[in-house]
Amino acid sequence: MTDRKKALVTGGAGLIGSVLIDRLSDRYDFTSFDLKEAPGTRSVVGDLSELEVVEEAFAGHDAVVHLAADRNSEAEWESALKNNFISTYNVFEAAKRTGVKRVVFASSQHGTGGFYLDEPWKHIVDGNFDRLERGNYPLLDETCRIRPDGYYGTSKAYGEAIGSYYNDYHGLSSIHLRIGWVLSEDDPTFSSFSLSLWLSHRDMAQITRLSLDAPDSLRYGVYYATSDNMWKIWDISRAKSELGYEPEDAAGEDFTPGPPPARDQ
């Protein structure tokens, strides 16, 4: 079909990029932009810190899904500066210059991760479910203040802010998904924290599709994005009401403590 949206995915060779391209390639004409080629789709090999290269790659696309970053939640400043801050600026600036209509930005719950220090949510992080009554503790929503837990989280808050600026002053629509935890083996049962944060592969694909296809009238939005997990910390009601998100998966409360798979560490 020639009328399908042309969507470029930064970090298309990574885990989430691979999930999206695999599950949504029947709906969109994808291009991957990454430091290496992405199997099975058109690929542009380049560095997001080079604005001219990014601008050339973005030309002719309707939308950009911006995933690429140093994804280490404890990233050092020098790496976060290049791979998260400068690269995110380049994404929005190149989108503006080339007429991209919408950026879907992979934000993160780490932008508000400081709340994990506080009760009652730290009980979920620590797996002390017995100290809570399910469904009878407050969930955190998008009205909570920015509270990053590192330079990575700070870079995600910055991405939401620069998206707001480019919407107001340059007419670029952006939707920011505060993604929980997408796991390579799609199995969160190794920790209480992952049970809370899990975003399954098919739910990740669904909420990205809804973001790409949201009406033009939705100029800017920030949404928590997890599956419909039993022991939530983050409220996904806004994603449900404004994007039409209907998660298909939900983590329970049973887990066997252990390290995450190597790719998710």
C-alpha atoms as a PDB file:
ATOM      1  CA  MET A   1       0.000   0.000   0.000  1.00  0.00           C
ATOM      2  CA  THR A   2       1.422   3.358  -0.989  1.00  0.00           C
ATOM      3  CA  ASP A   3      -0.759   5.391   1.412  1.00  0.00           C
ATOM      4  CA  ARG A   4       0.732   3.883   4.570  1.00  0.00           C
ATOM      5  CA  LYS A   5       2.500   6.243   6.930  1.00  0.00           C
ATOM      6  CA  LYS A   6       6.239   6.388   6.579  1.00  0.00           C
ATOM      7  CA  ALA A   7       7.670   6.086  10.075  1.00  0.00           C
ATOM      8  CA  LEU A   8      11.331   6.266  11.005  1.00  0.00           C
ATOM      9  CA  VAL A   9      12.402   4.487  14.196  1.00  0.00           C
ATOM     10  CA  THR A  10      15.553   5.693  15.918  1.00  0.00           C
ATOM     11  CA  GLY A  11      17.119   2.721  17.626  1.00  0.00           C
ATOM     12  CA  GLY A  12      15.331   0.425  15.224  1.00  0.00           C
ATOM     13  CA  ALA A  13      17.922  -2.317  15.720  1.00  0.00           C
ATOM     14  CA  GLY A  14      17.368  -2.357  19.501  1.00  0.00           C
ATOM     15  CA  LEU A  15      14.909  -4.378  21.534  1.00  0.00           C
ATOM     16  CA  ILE A  16      11.878  -2.097  21.426  1.00  0.00           C
ATOM     17  CA  GLY A  17      12.590  -1.047  17.855  1.00  0.00           C
ATOM     18  CA  SER A  18      12.703  -4.680  16.797  1.00  0.00           C
ATOM     19  CA  VAL A  19       9.425  -5.379  18.600  1.00  0.00           C
ATOM     20  CA  LEU A  20       7.689  -2.478  16.863  1.00  0.00           C
ATOM     21  CA  ILE A  21       9.010  -3.252  13.400  1.00  0.00           C
ATOM     22  CA  ASP A  22       8.116  -6.926  13.754  1.00  0.00           C
ATOM     23  CA  ARG A  23       4.585  -6.295  15.025  1.00  0.00           C
ATOM     24  CA  LEU A  24       3.588  -3.174  13.081  1.00  0.00           C
ATOM     25  CA  SER A  25       5.289  -3.472   9.705  1.00  0.00           C
ATOM     26  CA  ASP A  26       1.960  -4.411   8.127  1.00  0.00           C
ATOM     27  CA  ARG A  27       0.658  -0.929   9.022  1.00  0.00           C
ATOM     28  CA  TYR A  28       3.630   1.362   8.405  1.00  0.00           C
ATOM     29  CA  ASP A  29       6.542   1.704   6.049  1.00  0.00           C
ATOM     30  CA  PHE A  30       9.371   1.619   8.546  1.00  0.00           C
ATOM     31  CA  THR A  31      12.916   2.898   8.307  1.00  0.00           C
ATOM     32  CA  SER A  32      15.411   2.180  11.057  1.00  0.00           C
ATOM     33  CA  PHE A  33      18.021   4.746  12.043  1.00  0.00           C
ATOM     34  CA  ASP A  34      20.674   3.180  14.229  1.00  0.00           C
ATOM     35  CA  LEU A  35      24.383   2.591  14.618  1.00  0.00           C
ATOM     36  CA  LYS A  36      23.856  -0.759  12.889  1.00  0.00           C
ATOM     37  CA  GLU A  37      21.419  -2.187  10.378  1.00  0.00           C
ATOM     38  CA  ALA A  38      18.089  -3.558  11.576  1.00  0.00           C
ATOM     39  CA  PRO A  39      17.285  -6.950  10.049  1.00  0.00           C
ATOM     40  CA  GLY A  40      14.275  -7.111   7.765  1.00  0.00           C
ATOM     41  CA  THR A  41      13.651  -3.416   7.195  1.00  0.00           C
ATOM     42  CA  ARG A  42      15.127  -0.437   5.396  1.00  0.00           C
ATOM     43  CA  SER A  43      18.027   0.829   7.485  1.00  0.00           C
ATOM     44  CA  VAL A  44      20.020   4.014   7.691  1.00  0.00           C
ATOM     45  CA  VAL A  45      23.243   3.634   9.643  1.00  0.00           C
ATOM     46  CA  GLY A  46      24.168   6.860  11.368  1.00  0.00           C
ATOM     47  CA  ASP A  47      24.785   8.740  14.599  1.00  0.00           C
ATOM     48  CA  LEU A  48      22.003  10.828  16.118  1.00  0.00           C
ATOM     49  CA  SER A  49      24.530  13.333  17.443  1.00  0.00           C
ATOM     50  CA  GLU A  50      25.169  14.484  13.843  1.00  0.00           C
ATOM     51  CA  LEU A  51      22.296  16.790  12.920  1.00  0.00           C
ATOM     52  CA  GLU A  52      22.909  16.886   9.162  1.00  0.00           C
ATOM     53  CA  VAL A  53      22.874  13.086   9.010  1.00  0.00           C
ATOM     54  CA  VAL A  54      19.660  12.949  11.023  1.00  0.00           C
ATOM     55  CA  GLU A  55      18.006  15.574   8.848  1.00  0.00           C
ATOM     56  CA  GLU A  56      18.849  13.670   5.679  1.00  0.00           C
ATOM     57  CA  ALA A  57      17.432  10.439   7.120  1.00  0.00           C
ATOM     58  CA  PHE A  58      14.191  12.080   8.290  1.00  0.00           C
ATOM     59  CA  ALA A  59      13.307  13.617   4.936  1.00  0.00           C
ATOM     60  CA  GLY A  60      10.146  12.143   3.425  1.00  0.00           C
ATOM     61  CA  HIS A  61       8.813  10.574   6.634  1.00  0.00           C
ATOM     62  CA  ASP A  62       5.443  11.301   8.229  1.00  0.00           C
ATOM     63  CA  ALA A  63       6.427  10.380  11.771  1.00  0.00           C
ATOM     64  CA  VAL A  64       9.415   9.500  13.917  1.00  0.00           C
ATOM     65  CA  VAL A  65       9.473   7.094  16.855  1.00  0.00           C
ATOM     66  CA  HIS A  66      12.434   8.189  18.950  1.00  0.00           C
ATOM     67  CA  LEU A  67      13.775   5.263  20.989  1.00  0.00           C
ATOM     68  CA  ALA A  68      17.552   5.567  20.695  1.00  0.00           C
ATOM     69  CA  ALA A  69      19.417   6.588  23.845  1.00  0.00           C
ATOM     70  CA  ASP A  70      21.902   5.437  26.406  1.00  0.00           C
ATOM     71  CA  ARG A  71      19.259   3.342  28.171  1.00  0.00           C
ATOM     72  CA  ASN A  72      21.278   2.786  31.341  1.00  0.00           C
ATOM     73  CA  SER A  73      19.243   4.337  34.156  1.00  0.00           C
ATOM     74  CA  GLU A  74      22.580   5.165  35.831  1.00  0.00           C
ATOM     75  CA  ALA A  75      24.193   6.630  32.714  1.00  0.00           C
ATOM     76  CA  GLU A  76      27.150   8.930  33.290  1.00  0.00           C
ATOM     77  CA  TRP A  77      26.750  12.584  32.348  1.00  0.00           C
ATOM     78  CA  GLU A  78      29.027  12.550  29.290  1.00  0.00           C
ATOM     79  CA  SER A  79      27.123   9.679  27.697  1.00  0.00           C
ATOM     80  CA  ALA A  80      23.703  11.078  28.606  1.00  0.00           C
ATOM     81  CA  LEU A  81      24.681  14.467  27.183  1.00  0.00           C
ATOM     82  CA  LYS A  82      25.624  13.068  23.777  1.00  0.00           C
ATOM     83  CA  ASN A  83      23.239  10.153  23.401  1.00  0.00           C
ATOM     84  CA  ASN A  84      20.156  11.512  25.157  1.00  0.00           C
ATOM     85  CA  PHE A  85      20.191  15.309  25.365  1.00  0.00           C
ATOM     86  CA  ILE A  86      21.959  16.352  22.146  1.00  0.00           C
ATOM     87  CA  SER A  87      20.470  13.494  20.155  1.00  0.00           C
ATOM     88  CA  THR A  88      16.936  14.326  21.303  1.00  0.00           C
ATOM     89  CA  TYR A  89      17.403  17.956  20.314  1.00  0.00           C
ATOM     90  CA  ASN A  90      18.601  16.761  16.899  1.00  0.00           C
ATOM     91  CA  VAL A  91      15.511  14.567  16.518  1.00  0.00           C
ATOM     92  CA  PHE A  92      13.085  17.427  17.150  1.00  0.00           C
ATOM     93  CA  GLU A  93      15.070  19.946  15.133  1.00  0.00           C
ATOM     94  CA  ALA A  94      15.438  17.590  12.162  1.00  0.00           C
ATOM     95  CA  ALA A  95      11.719  16.734  12.360  1.00  0.00           C
ATOM     96  CA  LYS A  96      10.875  20.438  12.231  1.00  0.00           C
ATOM     97  CA  ARG A  97      13.198  21.092   9.290  1.00  0.00           C
ATOM     98  CA  THR A  98      11.944  18.150   7.214  1.00  0.00           C
ATOM     99  CA  GLY A  99       8.197  18.502   7.830  1.00  0.00           C
ATOM    100  CA  VAL A 100       7.711  15.397   9.981  1.00  0.00           C
ATOM    101  CA  LYS A 101       4.208  15.676  11.425  1.00  0.00           C
ATOM    102  CA  ARG A 102       4.645  13.847  14.741  1.00  0.00           C
ATOM    103  CA  VAL A 103       7.356  12.539  17.042  1.00  0.00           C
ATOM    104  CA  VAL A 104       6.523   9.672  19.389  1.00  0.00           C
ATOM    105  CA  PHE A 105       9.120   9.982  22.140  1.00  0.00           C
ATOM    106  CA  ALA A 106      10.178   7.100  24.358  1.00  0.00           C
ATOM    107  CA  SER A 107      10.109   8.841  27.696  1.00  0.00           C
ATOM    108  CA  SER A 108      10.391   6.812  30.882  1.00  0.00           C
ATOM    109  CA  GLN A 109       9.066   6.301  34.351  1.00  0.00           C
ATOM    110  CA  HIS A 110      12.605   7.211  35.440  1.00  0.00           C
ATOM    111  CA  GLY A 111      11.647  10.832  34.826  1.00  0.00           C
ATOM    112  CA  THR A 112       9.586  10.536  37.994  1.00  0.00           C
ATOM    113  CA  GLY A 113      11.517   7.696  39.619  1.00  0.00           C
ATOM    114  CA  GLY A 114      12.256   9.669  42.776  1.00  0.00           C
ATOM    115  CA  PHE A 115       8.841   8.585  44.048  1.00  0.00           C
ATOM    116  CA  TYR A 116      10.252   5.073  44.493  1.00  0.00           C
ATOM    117  CA  LEU A 117      11.898   6.419  47.656  1.00  0.00           C
ATOM    118  CA  ASP A 118       8.536   7.103  49.298  1.00  0.00           C
ATOM    119  CA  GLU A 119       5.756   5.091  50.865  1.00  0.00           C
ATOM    120  CA  PRO A 120       3.586   3.430  49.786  1.00  0.00           C
ATOM    121  CA  TRP A 121       5.296   2.857  46.440  1.00  0.00           C
ATOM    122  CA  LYS A 122       8.627   1.729  47.841  1.00  0.00           C
ATOM    123  CA  HIS A 123       6.828  -1.299  49.313  1.00  0.00           C
ATOM    124  CA  ILE A 124       6.044  -2.399  45.748  1.00  0.00           C
ATOM    125  CA  VAL A 125       9.633  -1.859  44.667  1.00  0.00           C
ATOM    126  CA  ASP A 126      10.800  -3.989  47.602  1.00  0.00           C
ATOM    127  CA  GLY A 127       8.177  -6.680  47.062  1.00  0.00           C
ATOM    128  CA  ASN A 128       6.431  -6.040  50.378  1.00  0.00           C
ATOM    129  CA  PHE A 129       2.961  -6.474  48.948  1.00  0.00           C
ATOM    130  CA  ASP A 130       1.654  -7.562  52.362  1.00  0.00           C
ATOM    131  CA  ARG A 131       2.069  -3.975  53.584  1.00  0.00           C
ATOM    132  CA  LEU A 132      -0.479  -2.729  51.057  1.00  0.00           C
ATOM    133  CA  GLU A 133      -4.109  -3.412  50.281  1.00  0.00           C
ATOM    134  CA  ARG A 134      -4.492  -3.996  46.579  1.00  0.00           C
ATOM    135  CA  GLY A 135      -6.480  -1.243  44.933  1.00  0.00           C
ATOM    136  CA  ASN A 136      -6.465   0.850  48.107  1.00  0.00           C
ATOM    137  CA  TYR A 137      -3.339   2.958  47.727  1.00  0.00           C
ATOM    138  CA  PRO A 138      -2.826   6.032  45.509  1.00  0.00           C
ATOM    139  CA  LEU A 139      -1.438   5.688  42.005  1.00  0.00           C
ATOM    140  CA  LEU A 140       0.865   8.329  40.580  1.00  0.00           C
ATOM    141  CA  ASP A 141      -0.303  10.086  37.438  1.00  0.00           C
ATOM    142  CA  GLU A 142       0.996  12.631  34.945  1.00  0.00           C
ATOM    143  CA  THR A 143       0.162  15.553  37.253  1.00  0.00           C
ATOM    144  CA  CYS A 144       2.947  14.512  39.648  1.00  0.00           C
ATOM    145  CA  ARG A 145       6.055  16.657  39.562  1.00  0.00           C
ATOM    146  CA  ILE A 146       9.118  15.719  37.562  1.00  0.00           C
ATOM    147  CA  ARG A 147      11.387  13.783  39.919  1.00  0.00           C
ATOM    148  CA  PRO A 148      14.171  12.030  37.971  1.00  0.00           C
ATOM    149  CA  ASP A 149      16.345   9.362  39.539  1.00  0.00           C
ATOM    150  CA  GLY A 150      19.466  10.029  37.446  1.00  0.00           C
ATOM    151  CA  TYR A 151      20.774  11.727  34.318  1.00  0.00           C
ATOM    152  CA  TYR A 152      18.856   9.209  32.210  1.00  0.00           C
ATOM    153  CA  GLY A 153      15.584  10.178  33.884  1.00  0.00           C
ATOM    154  CA  THR A 154      16.516  13.846  33.597  1.00  0.00           C
ATOM    155  CA  SER A 155      17.057  13.416  29.857  1.00  0.00           C
ATOM    156  CA  LYS A 156      13.574  11.955  29.516  1.00  0.00           C
ATOM    157  CA  ALA A 157      12.020  14.910  31.342  1.00  0.00           C
ATOM    158  CA  TYR A 158      14.015  17.159  29.006  1.00  0.00           C
ATOM    159  CA  GLY A 159      12.577  15.301  26.013  1.00  0.00           C
ATOM    160  CA  GLU A 160       9.048  15.996  27.235  1.00  0.00           C
ATOM    161  CA  ALA A 161       9.922  19.671  27.713  1.00  0.00           C
ATOM    162  CA  ILE A 162      11.541  20.152  24.317  1.00  0.00           C
ATOM    163  CA  GLY A 163       8.586  18.395  22.709  1.00  0.00           C
ATOM    164  CA  SER A 164       6.280  20.943  24.332  1.00  0.00           C
ATOM    165  CA  TYR A 165       8.433  23.775  23.010  1.00  0.00           C
ATOM    166  CA  TYR A 166       8.480  22.432  19.445  1.00  0.00           C
ATOM    167  CA  ASN A 167       4.712  21.961  19.570  1.00  0.00           C
ATOM    168  CA  ASP A 168       3.974  25.497  20.783  1.00  0.00           C
ATOM    169  CA  TYR A 169       6.470  27.363  18.640  1.00  0.00           C
ATOM    170  CA  HIS A 170       7.087  25.140  15.616  1.00  0.00           C
ATOM    171  CA  GLY A 171       3.802  23.249  15.160  1.00  0.00           C
ATOM    172  CA  LEU A 172       5.324  19.785  15.658  1.00  0.00           C
ATOM    173  CA  SER A 173       3.036  17.280  17.357  1.00  0.00           C
ATOM    174  CA  SER A 174       4.649  15.003  19.933  1.00  0.00           C
ATOM    175  CA  ILE A 175       3.395  12.194  22.142  1.00  0.00           C
ATOM    176  CA  HIS A 176       5.573  11.120  25.057  1.00  0.00           C
ATOM    177  CA  LEU A 177       5.232   7.605  26.467  1.00  0.00           C
ATOM    178  CA  ARG A 178       6.620   7.087  29.955  1.00  0.00           C
ATOM    179  CA  ILE A 179       7.511   3.493  29.259  1.00  0.00           C
ATOM    180  CA  GLY A 180       7.796   1.046  32.116  1.00  0.00           C
ATOM    181  CA  TRP A 181       9.984  -1.961  31.358  1.00  0.00           C
ATOM    182  CA  VAL A 182       9.994  -3.807  28.036  1.00  0.00           C
ATOM    183  CA  LEU A 183      11.872  -7.071  28.553  1.00  0.00           C
ATOM    184  CA  SER A 184      13.707  -9.145  25.992  1.00  0.00           C
ATOM    185  CA  GLU A 185      12.043 -12.375  27.135  1.00  0.00           C
ATOM    186  CA  ASP A 186       8.707 -10.609  27.807  1.00  0.00           C
ATOM    187  CA  ASP A 187       8.596 -12.171  31.275  1.00  0.00           C
ATOM    188  CA  PRO A 188       8.599  -9.943  34.380  1.00  0.00           C
ATOM    189  CA  THR A 189       8.549 -12.665  37.032  1.00  0.00           C
ATOM    190  CA  PHE A 190      12.107 -12.150  38.309  1.00  0.00           C
ATOM    191  CA  SER A 191      11.330  -9.234  40.644  1.00  0.00           C
ATOM    192  CA  SER A 192       8.518  -7.300  42.284  1.00  0.00           C
ATOM    193  CA  PHE A 193       9.674  -4.127  40.570  1.00  0.00           C
ATOM    194  CA  SER A 194       9.433  -5.670  37.108  1.00  0.00           C
ATOM    195  CA  LEU A 195       5.946  -6.965  37.915  1.00  0.00           C
ATOM    196  CA  SER A 196       4.889  -3.374  38.522  1.00  0.00           C
ATOM    197  CA  LEU A 197       6.664  -1.798  35.543  1.00  0.00           C
ATOM    198  CA  TRP A 198       6.188  -4.474  32.890  1.00  0.00           C
ATOM    199  CA  LEU A 199       5.042  -3.355  29.449  1.00  0.00           C
ATOM    200  CA  SER A 200       4.515  -6.425  27.289  1.00  0.00           C
ATOM    201  CA  HIS A 201       5.600  -6.554  23.683  1.00  0.00           C
ATOM    202  CA  ARG A 202       2.079  -6.493  22.330  1.00  0.00           C
ATOM    203  CA  ASP A 203       1.042  -3.664  24.658  1.00  0.00           C
ATOM    204  CA  MET A 204       4.130  -1.705  23.604  1.00  0.00           C
ATOM    205  CA  ALA A 205       3.153  -2.183  19.982  1.00  0.00           C
ATOM    206  CA  GLN A 206      -0.459  -1.186  20.689  1.00  0.00           C
ATOM    207  CA  ILE A 207       0.298   2.061  22.493  1.00  0.00           C
ATOM    208  CA  THR A 208       2.829   3.051  19.846  1.00  0.00           C
ATOM    209  CA  ARG A 209       0.280   2.377  17.099  1.00  0.00           C
ATOM    210  CA  LEU A 210      -2.299   4.469  18.943  1.00  0.00           C
ATOM    211  CA  SER A 211       0.230   7.285  19.294  1.00  0.00           C
ATOM    212  CA  LEU A 212       1.131   7.233  15.622  1.00  0.00           C
ATOM    213  CA  ASP A 213      -2.518   7.153  14.578  1.00  0.00           C
ATOM    214  CA  ALA A 214      -3.880   9.649  17.113  1.00  0.00           C
ATOM    215  CA  PRO A 215      -5.849  12.479  15.499  1.00  0.00           C
ATOM    216  CA  ASP A 216      -4.053  15.627  14.408  1.00  0.00           C
ATOM    217  CA  SER A 217      -5.986  17.482  17.108  1.00  0.00           C
ATOM    218  CA  LEU A 218      -3.857  15.716  19.734  1.00  0.00           C
ATOM    219  CA  ARG A 219      -0.894  18.046  19.509  1.00  0.00           C
ATOM    220  CA  TYR A 220       0.944  17.069  22.693  1.00  0.00           C
ATOM    221  CA  GLY A 221       0.534  14.413  25.346  1.00  0.00           C
ATOM    222  CA  VAL A 222       2.406  12.627  28.132  1.00  0.00           C
ATOM    223  CA  TYR A 223       1.258   9.145  29.148  1.00  0.00           C
ATOM    224  CA  TYR A 224       2.410   6.417  31.493  1.00  0.00           C
ATOM    225  CA  ALA A 225       2.740   3.178  29.579  1.00  0.00           C
ATOM    226  CA  THR A 226       2.707  -0.155  31.360  1.00  0.00           C
ATOM    227  CA  SER A 227       0.587  -3.241  31.037  1.00  0.00           C
ATOM    228  CA  ASP A 228      -2.436  -3.498  33.346  1.00  0.00           C
ATOM    229  CA  ASN A 229      -0.373  -4.937  36.185  1.00  0.00           C
ATOM    230  CA  MET A 230      -1.781  -5.964  39.562  1.00  0.00           C
ATOM    231  CA  TRP A 231       0.652  -3.942  41.681  1.00  0.00           C
ATOM    232  CA  LYS A 232       0.828  -0.698  39.747  1.00  0.00           C
ATOM    233  CA  ILE A 233       2.676   2.409  40.806  1.00  0.00           C
ATOM    234  CA  TRP A 234       1.798   4.488  37.738  1.00  0.00           C
ATOM    235  CA  ASP A 235      -1.744   5.303  36.655  1.00  0.00           C
ATOM    236  CA  ILE A 236      -2.459   4.431  33.019  1.00  0.00           C
ATOM    237  CA  SER A 237      -5.953   5.939  32.983  1.00  0.00           C
ATOM    238  CA  ARG A 238      -4.982   8.886  30.806  1.00  0.00           C
ATOM    239  CA  ALA A 239      -3.544   6.610  28.124  1.00  0.00           C
ATOM    240  CA  LYS A 240      -6.787   4.650  28.189  1.00  0.00           C
ATOM    241  CA  SER A 241      -9.088   7.667  27.970  1.00  0.00           C
ATOM    242  CA  GLU A 242      -7.120   9.853  25.536  1.00  0.00           C
ATOM    243  CA  LEU A 243      -5.365   7.305  23.314  1.00  0.00           C
ATOM    244  CA  GLY A 244      -7.850   4.449  23.582  1.00  0.00           C
ATOM    245  CA  TYR A 245      -5.228   2.160  25.099  1.00  0.00           C
ATOM    246  CA  GLU A 246      -6.599  -1.243  26.116  1.00  0.00           C
ATOM    247  CA  PRO A 247      -3.731  -3.323  27.514  1.00  0.00           C
ATOM    248  CA  GLU A 248      -3.972  -7.000  26.754  1.00  0.00           C
ATOM    249  CA  ASP A 249      -1.534  -8.174  29.401  1.00  0.00           C
ATOM    250  CA  ALA A 250      -1.224  -7.889  33.168  1.00  0.00           C
ATOM    251  CA  ALA A 251       1.476  -9.103  35.544  1.00  0.00           C
ATOM    252  CA  GLY A 252       0.328 -10.743  38.766  1.00  0.00           C
ATOM    253  CA  GLU A 253       2.101 -10.913  42.114  1.00  0.00           C
ATOM    254  CA  ASP A 254       4.152 -14.115  41.879  1.00  0.00           C
ATOM    255  CA  PHE A 255       7.861 -13.806  41.231  1.00  0.00           C
ATOM    256  CA  THR A 256      11.077 -15.727  41.805  1.00  0.00           C
ATOM    257  CA  PRO A 257      13.818 -13.272  42.825  1.00  0.00           C
ATOM    258  CA  GLY A 258      16.710 -13.195  40.408  1.00  0.00           C
ATOM    259  CA  PRO A 259      18.598 -10.997  37.983  1.00  0.00           C
ATOM    260  CA  PRO A 260      16.938  -9.755  34.794  1.00  0.00           C
ATOM    261  CA  PRO A 261      18.019 -11.363  31.529  1.00  0.00           C
ATOM    262  CA  ALA A 262      21.412 -10.118  30.392  1.00  0.00           C
ATOM    263  CA  ARG A 263      19.958  -7.950  27.629  1.00  0.00           C
ATOM    264  CA  ASP A 264      17.760  -6.129  30.159  1.00  0.00           C
ATOM    265  CA  GLN A 265      20.475  -5.322  32.698  1.00  0.00           C
END
